[in-house]
Protein backbone atom coordinates (compact mmCIF):
# COMPACT_ATOMS: atom_id res chain seq x y z
CA UNK A 1 -6.26 22.83 -14.18
CA UNK A 2 -6.86 23.12 -10.47
CA UNK A 3 -10.24 22.26 -8.96
CA UNK A 4 -10.99 25.97 -8.49
CA UNK A 5 -10.20 26.66 -12.26
CA UNK A 6 -12.42 23.79 -13.26
CA UNK A 7 -15.28 24.98 -11.11
CA UNK A 8 -15.03 28.48 -12.77
CA UNK A 9 -15.27 26.74 -16.25
CA UNK A 10 -18.08 24.43 -15.48
CA UNK A 11 -20.28 25.78 -18.25
CA UNK A 12 -19.09 23.19 -20.83
CA UNK A 13 -16.12 21.01 -21.70
CA UNK A 14 -15.36 23.44 -24.57
CA UNK A 15 -14.90 26.25 -22.04
CA UNK A 16 -12.42 24.09 -20.16
CA UNK A 17 -10.57 23.46 -23.27
CA UNK A 18 -10.62 27.20 -24.03
CA UNK A 19 -9.12 27.80 -20.60
CA UNK A 20 -6.54 25.22 -21.54
CA UNK A 21 -5.89 27.12 -24.81
CA UNK A 22 -5.29 30.35 -23.02
CA UNK A 23 -2.75 28.60 -20.77
CA UNK A 24 -0.99 27.31 -23.91
CA UNK A 25 -1.63 23.68 -23.04
CA UNK A 26 -3.34 23.09 -26.34
CA UNK A 27 -0.33 24.38 -28.15
CA UNK A 28 1.62 21.71 -26.36
CA UNK A 29 -0.95 19.05 -27.19
CA UNK A 30 -0.62 19.99 -30.94
CA UNK A 31 3.12 18.99 -30.68
CA UNK A 32 2.45 15.69 -28.96
CA UNK A 33 2.68 12.54 -31.12
CA UNK A 34 0.41 10.41 -28.86
CA UNK A 35 -2.59 11.53 -26.94
CA UNK A 36 -5.45 9.42 -25.33
CA UNK A 37 -8.88 10.72 -25.25
CA UNK A 38 -11.41 8.94 -23.03
CA UNK A 39 -14.46 9.42 -25.47
CA UNK A 40 -14.98 10.19 -29.17
CA UNK A 41 -16.43 13.58 -28.06
CA UNK A 42 -13.21 14.54 -26.40
CA UNK A 43 -11.30 13.49 -29.51
CA UNK A 44 -13.49 15.62 -31.78
CA UNK A 45 -13.05 18.72 -29.64
CA UNK A 46 -9.30 18.23 -29.59
CA UNK A 47 -9.34 18.01 -33.41
CA UNK A 48 -11.44 21.17 -33.62
CA UNK A 49 -8.57 22.93 -31.68
CA UNK A 50 -5.93 21.82 -34.15
CA UNK A 51 -4.64 18.53 -32.64
CA UNK A 52 -3.70 16.18 -35.59
CA UNK A 53 -6.06 13.16 -36.01
CA UNK A 54 -3.34 10.49 -36.10
CA UNK A 55 -2.13 11.85 -32.63
CA UNK A 56 -5.33 10.95 -30.79
CA UNK A 57 -6.45 7.47 -29.70
CA UNK A 58 -9.83 6.97 -28.02
CA UNK A 59 -9.88 4.52 -24.98
CA UNK A 60 -12.74 4.43 -22.55
CA UNK A 61 -10.87 4.82 -19.29
CA UNK A 62 -13.31 6.23 -16.73
CA UNK A 63 -14.94 2.92 -16.14
CA UNK A 64 -16.93 1.73 -13.09
CA UNK A 65 -15.06 -0.05 -10.38
CA UNK A 66 -14.41 -3.76 -11.08
CA UNK A 67 -16.87 -4.55 -8.23
CA UNK A 68 -19.64 -3.06 -10.48
CA UNK A 69 -18.65 -5.29 -13.39
CA UNK A 70 -18.32 -8.35 -11.16
CA UNK A 71 -21.70 -7.70 -9.44
CA UNK A 72 -23.57 -7.13 -12.66
CA UNK A 73 -27.40 -6.41 -12.77
CA UNK A 74 -29.84 -8.28 -10.69
CA UNK A 75 -32.35 -10.34 -12.48
CA UNK A 76 -35.25 -8.51 -14.09
CA UNK A 77 -38.19 -8.11 -11.84
CA UNK A 78 -36.38 -8.13 -8.53
CA UNK A 79 -38.13 -5.59 -6.40
CA UNK A 80 -40.16 -4.31 -9.48
CA UNK A 81 -43.76 -4.47 -10.29
CA UNK A 82 -46.79 -2.30 -9.73
CA UNK A 83 -46.57 -2.53 -5.90
CA UNK A 84 -42.94 -1.44 -5.61
CA UNK A 85 -43.82 1.53 -3.27
CA UNK A 86 -42.03 4.83 -3.25
CA UNK A 87 -39.74 5.30 -6.23
CA UNK A 88 -36.17 5.63 -4.98
CA UNK A 89 -33.99 8.18 -6.95
CA UNK A 90 -30.23 8.22 -6.47
CA UNK A 91 -28.09 11.11 -7.47
CA UNK A 92 -24.38 10.35 -6.75
CA UNK A 93 -21.45 12.62 -7.51
CA UNK A 94 -19.98 16.03 -6.90
CA UNK A 95 -22.38 18.48 -5.13
CA UNK A 96 -21.89 21.28 -7.54
CA UNK A 97 -23.75 23.67 -9.92
CA UNK A 98 -22.48 21.82 -13.07
CA UNK A 99 -24.03 18.55 -11.77
CA UNK A 100 -27.51 20.03 -11.57
CA UNK A 101 -27.88 20.08 -7.75
CA UNK A 102 -30.02 23.25 -7.51
CA UNK A 103 -32.30 22.00 -10.40
CA UNK A 104 -32.95 18.59 -8.81
CA UNK A 105 -33.85 20.18 -5.45
CA UNK A 106 -36.26 22.51 -7.27
CA UNK A 107 -37.80 19.57 -9.02
CA UNK A 108 -38.26 17.75 -5.75
CA UNK A 109 -39.99 20.82 -4.18
CA UNK A 110 -42.32 21.03 -7.25
CA UNK A 111 -43.21 17.42 -7.03
CA UNK A 112 -43.85 17.55 -3.25
CA UNK A 113 -46.07 20.55 -3.90
CA UNK A 114 -48.06 18.38 -6.15
CA UNK A 115 -48.84 15.90 -3.47
CA UNK A 116 -46.26 13.37 -4.47
CA UNK A 117 -43.98 13.54 -1.41
CA UNK A 118 -45.01 10.08 -0.10
CA UNK A 119 -44.53 8.40 -3.50
CA UNK A 120 -40.78 8.91 -4.03
CA UNK A 121 -37.52 9.73 -2.18
CA UNK A 122 -34.16 11.00 -3.29
CA UNK A 123 -30.73 10.11 -1.96
CA UNK A 124 -27.77 12.33 -2.80
CA UNK A 125 -24.24 11.13 -2.16
CA UNK A 126 -21.27 13.33 -2.65
CA UNK A 127 -19.35 16.36 -1.46
CA UNK A 128 -18.63 19.69 -3.06
CA UNK A 129 -19.14 23.41 -2.98
CA UNK A 130 -22.97 23.04 -2.55
CA UNK A 131 -22.96 20.36 0.07
CA UNK A 132 -23.75 22.78 2.97
CA UNK A 133 -26.15 24.82 0.77
CA UNK A 134 -28.11 21.68 -0.33
CA UNK A 135 -28.61 20.60 3.31
CA UNK A 136 -29.92 24.03 4.26
CA UNK A 137 -32.11 24.22 1.24
CA UNK A 138 -33.74 20.93 2.15
CA UNK A 139 -34.53 22.23 5.66
CA UNK A 140 -35.75 25.59 4.26
CA UNK A 141 -38.06 23.97 1.77
CA UNK A 142 -39.05 21.07 4.18
CA UNK A 143 -37.83 18.37 1.73
CA UNK A 144 -38.19 15.41 4.21
CA UNK A 145 -37.97 12.85 1.36
CA UNK A 146 -34.39 14.02 0.47
CA UNK A 147 -31.39 12.52 2.22
CA UNK A 148 -27.85 13.75 1.72
CA UNK A 149 -24.75 11.67 2.52
CA UNK A 150 -21.03 12.43 2.31
CA UNK A 151 -19.05 10.03 -0.01
CA UNK A 152 -19.14 6.43 1.15
CA UNK A 153 -16.82 3.43 0.58
CA UNK A 154 -17.18 1.60 -2.78
CA UNK A 155 -19.03 -1.41 -1.14
CA UNK A 156 -21.64 0.93 0.40
CA UNK A 157 -22.04 2.86 -2.72
CA UNK A 158 -22.68 -0.36 -4.61
CA UNK A 159 -25.38 -1.21 -2.03
CA UNK A 160 -26.99 2.25 -2.57
CA UNK A 161 -27.01 1.75 -6.35
CA UNK A 162 -28.48 -1.61 -5.79
CA UNK A 163 -31.36 -0.26 -3.65
CA UNK A 164 -32.18 2.57 -6.05
CA UNK A 165 -34.88 2.36 -8.73
CA UNK A 166 -33.59 5.23 -10.87
CA UNK A 167 -30.26 7.07 -11.17
CA UNK A 168 -30.12 10.79 -11.86
CA UNK A 169 -27.41 12.46 -13.83
CA UNK A 170 -28.73 15.88 -14.94
CA UNK A 171 -25.34 17.43 -15.65
CA UNK A 172 -25.08 20.90 -17.22
CA UNK A 173 -21.44 20.57 -18.24
CA UNK A 174 -20.06 18.71 -21.30
CA UNK A 175 -18.43 15.78 -19.56
CA UNK A 176 -15.60 14.03 -21.24
CA UNK A 177 -17.10 10.67 -20.39
CA UNK A 178 -19.08 10.39 -17.14
CA UNK A 179 -18.76 7.62 -14.52
CA UNK A 180 -22.34 7.77 -13.03
CA UNK A 181 -24.26 6.82 -16.23
CA UNK A 182 -21.85 3.91 -16.94
CA UNK A 183 -22.11 2.71 -13.32
CA UNK A 184 -25.92 2.79 -13.36
CA UNK A 185 -26.23 0.92 -16.75
CA UNK A 186 -23.78 -1.74 -15.72
CA UNK A 187 -26.06 -2.40 -12.82
CA UNK A 188 -29.18 -2.35 -14.97
CA UNK A 189 -30.55 0.90 -13.39
CA UNK A 190 -32.70 3.22 -15.49
CA UNK A 191 -31.32 6.64 -16.03
CA UNK A 192 -32.58 10.18 -16.25
CA UNK A 193 -29.62 11.81 -17.89
CA UNK A 194 -28.37 14.82 -19.79
CA UNK A 195 -26.66 13.36 -22.96
CA UNK A 196 -23.83 15.96 -23.04
CA UNK A 197 -20.36 15.36 -24.23
CA UNK A 198 -19.16 11.89 -23.92
CA UNK A 199 -22.31 10.81 -22.09
CA UNK A 200 -24.05 10.50 -25.42
CA UNK A 201 -21.67 7.63 -26.24
CA UNK A 202 -22.44 5.90 -22.93
CA UNK A 203 -26.19 5.77 -23.70
CA UNK A 204 -25.87 5.10 -27.39
CA UNK A 205 -28.14 2.11 -28.29
CA UNK A 206 -29.47 2.00 -24.73
CA UNK A 207 -31.97 4.80 -24.89
CA UNK A 208 -34.82 2.43 -24.06
CA UNK A 209 -33.51 2.35 -20.52
CA UNK A 210 -32.89 6.12 -20.31
CA UNK A 211 -34.87 9.39 -20.36
CA UNK A 212 -32.77 12.01 -22.08
CA UNK A 213 -33.27 15.47 -20.76
CA UNK A 214 -31.96 18.93 -21.56
CA UNK A 215 -33.46 21.30 -19.00
CA UNK A 216 -35.15 21.49 -15.55
CA UNK A 217 -38.68 21.30 -17.05
CA UNK A 218 -37.79 17.96 -18.80
CA UNK A 219 -36.21 16.67 -15.60
CA UNK A 220 -39.32 17.26 -13.45
CA UNK A 221 -41.52 15.76 -16.20
CA UNK A 222 -39.31 12.64 -16.34
CA UNK A 223 -39.34 12.20 -12.52
CA UNK A 224 -43.05 12.76 -12.35
CA UNK A 225 -43.74 10.28 -15.18
CA UNK A 226 -41.88 7.44 -13.34
CA UNK A 227 -43.46 8.24 -10.07
CA UNK A 228 -47.00 8.03 -11.28
CA UNK A 229 -46.41 5.26 -13.89
CA UNK A 230 -44.54 2.31 -12.29
CA UNK A 231 -45.16 0.25 -15.57
CA UNK A 232 -42.94 2.69 -17.45
CA UNK A 233 -40.13 2.09 -14.89
CA UNK A 234 -40.51 -1.59 -15.24
CA UNK A 235 -40.23 -1.37 -18.95
CA UNK A 236 -36.95 0.48 -18.77
CA UNK A 237 -35.61 -2.12 -16.30
CA UNK A 238 -36.68 -4.89 -18.59
CA UNK A 239 -35.10 -3.20 -21.64
CA UNK A 240 -31.71 -2.99 -19.81
CA UNK A 241 -31.99 -6.58 -18.78
CA UNK A 242 -31.96 -7.52 -22.51
CA UNK A 243 -28.88 -5.41 -23.25
CA UNK A 244 -26.65 -6.82 -20.52
CA UNK A 245 -24.16 -8.24 -23.00
CA UNK A 246 -23.89 -4.92 -24.87
CA UNK A 247 -23.41 -2.99 -21.60
CA UNK A 248 -20.71 -5.38 -20.19
CA UNK A 249 -18.84 -5.30 -23.49
CA UNK A 250 -18.86 -1.37 -23.48
CA UNK A 251 -17.72 -0.98 -19.90
CA UNK A 252 -15.16 -3.74 -19.74
CA UNK A 253 -11.87 -3.44 -17.87
CA UNK A 254 -10.25 -6.24 -19.83
CA UNK A 255 -11.10 -4.47 -23.09
CA UNK A 256 -9.65 -1.22 -21.66
CA UNK A 257 -6.40 -3.09 -20.79
CA UNK A 258 -6.27 -4.60 -24.31
CA UNK A 259 -6.84 -1.18 -25.86
CA UNK A 260 -3.81 0.20 -23.89
CA UNK A 261 -1.81 -2.85 -24.86
CA UNK A 262 -2.38 -2.28 -28.57
CA UNK A 263 -1.69 1.45 -28.01
CA UNK A 264 1.75 0.83 -26.48
CA UNK A 265 2.59 -1.82 -28.96
CA UNK A 266 1.84 0.59 -31.70
CA UNK A 267 4.13 3.20 -30.14
CA UNK A 268 7.03 0.69 -29.69
CA UNK A 269 6.55 -0.62 -33.25
CA UNK A 270 6.72 2.91 -34.62
CA UNK A 271 9.86 3.60 -32.44
CA UNK A 272 11.57 0.47 -33.72
CA UNK A 273 10.71 1.35 -37.34
CA UNK A 274 12.11 4.89 -36.92
CA UNK A 275 15.31 3.47 -35.36
CA UNK A 276 15.75 0.93 -38.05
CA UNK A 277 15.26 3.48 -40.82
CA UNK A 278 17.80 5.75 -39.22
């Protein structure tokens, strides 16, 4: 699908697949012998639409950059504690409705109205159909504790992740995997996240470092809770620090390459077997 078509189908991953179905792409997928899905969720939706189970292999492909893996999380306690100052929220990604941009700005306005403006700040990094609107909205609402940047180089993005206390991923669409949650967890950053689609697999077993939300009211409650209770934020950081091995195993480029090697080896083996039997 084109970007415009994807934007028009942002309600859920299922809607995107239904668009694909109308374009006869799913009929083509049903005829393919080998398909790679980048999450169990994507695989399940494909199966629901008639793709044969033996045709679909799941490989986590949308991994953070290697720099994320090589950098790893900082030691627990760095910059933490009760006297950490204003809580720094980071929301990276496409500036679009399906990423929850309007909701997050409304939440900031509500929290500022409660007198918490000096106790937190939000950095948004990305570009999209709501880029201009978001900047105008911040001016209109007087959201002085919100900063919006266009996309930055990987090295600069890593630095922004490093300096953040909490990463926000309040997506409204059913993402097939989701890079932002995996990037945050790989760096040991607590998450406020909507566990939709493949994102649920990313946070599986790591819920102690995440706050799972499903609506705007839960988002503002989660942000408020971390702003007024620094100890809760420290608990989440400490939890993720004890799960470093699990996280690095799950989001591992070497593992992805090995999965691909096995996948192609299986195809070649099947092809040789078919040729030999013929």
